[in-house]
C-alpha atoms as a PDB file:
ATOM      1  CA  UNK A   1    -142.477  71.169 -36.995  1.00  0.00           C
ATOM      2  CA  UNK A   2    -143.946  67.838 -37.514  1.00  0.00           C
ATOM      3  CA  UNK A   3    -143.084  64.260 -36.124  1.00  0.00           C
ATOM      4  CA  UNK A   4    -144.422  61.257 -38.612  1.00  0.00           C
ATOM      5  CA  UNK A   5    -144.212  58.131 -36.940  1.00  0.00           C
ATOM      6  CA  UNK A   6    -145.273  54.748 -38.821  1.00  0.00           C
ATOM      7  CA  UNK A   7    -145.080  51.161 -37.817  1.00  0.00           C
ATOM      8  CA  UNK A   8    -145.899  47.926 -39.772  1.00  0.00           C
ATOM      9  CA  UNK A   9    -146.074  44.014 -39.535  1.00  0.00           C
ATOM     10  CA  UNK A  10    -145.056  42.128 -42.399  1.00  0.00           C
ATOM     11  CA  UNK A  11    -146.748  38.867 -44.062  1.00  0.00           C
ATOM     12  CA  UNK A  12    -143.878  36.023 -43.345  1.00  0.00           C
ATOM     13  CA  UNK A  13    -141.962  35.151 -46.130  1.00  0.00           C
ATOM     14  CA  UNK A  14    -141.171  38.992 -46.944  1.00  0.00           C
ATOM     15  CA  UNK A  15    -137.635  39.425 -45.772  1.00  0.00           C
ATOM     16  CA  UNK A  16    -136.288  40.728 -49.481  1.00  0.00           C
ATOM     17  CA  UNK A  17    -139.379  42.769 -50.541  1.00  0.00           C
ATOM     18  CA  UNK A  18    -138.640  44.313 -46.856  1.00  0.00           C
ATOM     19  CA  UNK A  19    -135.412  45.299 -47.345  1.00  0.00           C
ATOM     20  CA  UNK A  20    -136.172  46.735 -50.801  1.00  0.00           C
ATOM     21  CA  UNK A  21    -139.173  48.895 -48.785  1.00  0.00           C
ATOM     22  CA  UNK A  22    -136.257  49.850 -46.565  1.00  0.00           C
ATOM     23  CA  UNK A  23    -134.098  50.593 -49.013  1.00  0.00           C
ATOM     24  CA  UNK A  24    -136.692  52.541 -51.156  1.00  0.00           C
ATOM     25  CA  UNK A  25    -137.706  54.677 -47.728  1.00  0.00           C
ATOM     26  CA  UNK A  26    -134.418  55.672 -46.698  1.00  0.00           C
ATOM     27  CA  UNK A  27    -133.567  56.785 -50.574  1.00  0.00           C
ATOM     28  CA  UNK A  28    -135.910  59.301 -50.708  1.00  0.00           C
ATOM     29  CA  UNK A  29    -134.232  61.351 -47.966  1.00  0.00           C
ATOM     30  CA  UNK A  30    -132.355  64.254 -50.075  1.00  0.00           C
ATOM     31  CA  UNK A  31    -135.046  63.279 -52.903  1.00  0.00           C
ATOM     32  CA  UNK A  32    -138.048  64.506 -51.521  1.00  0.00           C
ATOM     33  CA  UNK A  33    -137.348  68.390 -50.176  1.00  0.00           C
ATOM     34  CA  UNK A  34    -140.297  68.552 -48.000  1.00  0.00           C
ATOM     35  CA  UNK A  35    -138.705  65.219 -45.869  1.00  0.00           C
ATOM     36  CA  UNK A  36    -136.108  66.762 -43.584  1.00  0.00           C
ATOM     37  CA  UNK A  37    -135.047  63.761 -42.021  1.00  0.00           C
ATOM     38  CA  UNK A  38    -135.872  59.916 -42.056  1.00  0.00           C
ATOM     39  CA  UNK A  39    -134.673  56.970 -39.745  1.00  0.00           C
ATOM     40  CA  UNK A  40    -135.994  53.403 -40.866  1.00  0.00           C
ATOM     41  CA  UNK A  41    -135.065  50.625 -37.993  1.00  0.00           C
ATOM     42  CA  UNK A  42    -136.081  46.828 -37.608  1.00  0.00           C
ATOM     43  CA  UNK A  43    -137.422  45.765 -34.323  1.00  0.00           C
ATOM     44  CA  UNK A  44    -135.390  43.750 -31.871  1.00  0.00           C
ATOM     45  CA  UNK A  45    -137.794  42.260 -29.911  1.00  0.00           C
ATOM     46  CA  UNK A  46    -140.715  39.788 -30.159  1.00  0.00           C
ATOM     47  CA  UNK A  47    -144.302  40.165 -30.464  1.00  0.00           C
ATOM     48  CA  UNK A  48    -144.375  43.735 -31.565  1.00  0.00           C
ATOM     49  CA  UNK A  49    -144.124  45.716 -34.594  1.00  0.00           C
ATOM     50  CA  UNK A  50    -141.499  44.976 -36.992  1.00  0.00           C
ATOM     51  CA  UNK A  51    -140.547  48.226 -38.015  1.00  0.00           C
ATOM     52  CA  UNK A  52    -140.544  51.972 -37.791  1.00  0.00           C
ATOM     53  CA  UNK A  53    -140.067  54.976 -39.933  1.00  0.00           C
ATOM     54  CA  UNK A  54    -139.611  58.426 -37.969  1.00  0.00           C
ATOM     55  CA  UNK A  55    -139.806  61.460 -40.093  1.00  0.00           C
ATOM     56  CA  UNK A  56    -139.585  65.231 -39.610  1.00  0.00           C
ATOM     57  CA  UNK A  57    -141.362  67.888 -41.707  1.00  0.00           C
ATOM     58  CA  UNK A  58    -141.646  71.588 -41.202  1.00  0.00           C
ATOM     59  CA  UNK A  59    -145.533  71.841 -41.459  1.00  0.00           C
ATOM     60  CA  UNK A  60    -148.564  69.551 -42.144  1.00  0.00           C
ATOM     61  CA  UNK A  61    -148.518  70.790 -45.840  1.00  0.00           C
ATOM     62  CA  UNK A  62    -144.901  69.395 -46.327  1.00  0.00           C
ATOM     63  CA  UNK A  63    -146.188  65.940 -44.871  1.00  0.00           C
ATOM     64  CA  UNK A  64    -148.871  65.910 -47.305  1.00  0.00           C
ATOM     65  CA  UNK A  65    -146.675  67.229 -50.302  1.00  0.00           C
ATOM     66  CA  UNK A  66    -144.354  64.396 -49.304  1.00  0.00           C
ATOM     67  CA  UNK A  67    -147.524  61.874 -48.832  1.00  0.00           C
ATOM     68  CA  UNK A  68    -148.872  62.479 -52.339  1.00  0.00           C
ATOM     69  CA  UNK A  69    -144.953  62.920 -54.119  1.00  0.00           C
ATOM     70  CA  UNK A  70    -144.774  59.974 -57.216  1.00  0.00           C
ATOM     71  CA  UNK A  71    -141.824  58.781 -55.653  1.00  0.00           C
ATOM     72  CA  UNK A  72    -143.516  58.320 -51.702  1.00  0.00           C
ATOM     73  CA  UNK A  73    -146.218  56.277 -53.519  1.00  0.00           C
ATOM     74  CA  UNK A  74    -144.280  54.288 -55.537  1.00  0.00           C
ATOM     75  CA  UNK A  75    -142.524  52.989 -52.269  1.00  0.00           C
ATOM     76  CA  UNK A  76    -145.659  52.813 -50.396  1.00  0.00           C
ATOM     77  CA  UNK A  77    -147.119  50.607 -53.162  1.00  0.00           C
ATOM     78  CA  UNK A  78    -144.882  47.825 -52.136  1.00  0.00           C
ATOM     79  CA  UNK A  79    -144.950  48.221 -48.912  1.00  0.00           C
ATOM     80  CA  UNK A  80    -148.515  47.642 -49.030  1.00  0.00           C
ATOM     81  CA  UNK A  81    -148.240  44.393 -50.893  1.00  0.00           C
ATOM     82  CA  UNK A  82    -146.025  42.403 -47.606  1.00  0.00           C
ATOM     83  CA  UNK A  83    -147.778  44.264 -44.741  1.00  0.00           C
ATOM     84  CA  UNK A  84    -150.253  42.825 -42.569  1.00  0.00           C
ATOM     85  CA  UNK A  85    -150.714  45.964 -40.475  1.00  0.00           C
ATOM     86  CA  UNK A  86    -149.666  49.793 -40.171  1.00  0.00           C
ATOM     87  CA  UNK A  87    -150.075  52.326 -37.589  1.00  0.00           C
ATOM     88  CA  UNK A  88    -149.183  55.970 -37.697  1.00  0.00           C
ATOM     89  CA  UNK A  89    -149.047  59.066 -35.567  1.00  0.00           C
ATOM     90  CA  UNK A  90    -148.435  62.627 -36.576  1.00  0.00           C
ATOM     91  CA  UNK A  91    -147.229  65.082 -33.798  1.00  0.00           C
ATOM     92  CA  UNK A  92    -146.148  68.537 -33.426  1.00  0.00           C
ATOM     93  CA  UNK A  93    -142.632  69.164 -31.577  1.00  0.00           C
END
């Protein structure tokens, strides 16, 4: 199993777009079959990244299939337009 973790910092004043982005991410579960689990959360503290995605896949190939799915790419494009920074890690568990 592969866990894909992504964190973002967003530009100020993009709260409405952030909410659309989060809804879009959550909407991918059950639509893209390779995405086994998807959790999106907003940071409650100050001075850290603004939000996190934790998602699970059966294999690295499934993660790559997910990343290249047009539905994921559409959601990702919205994020790219509002983010300041992004970090990610993929690991086996």
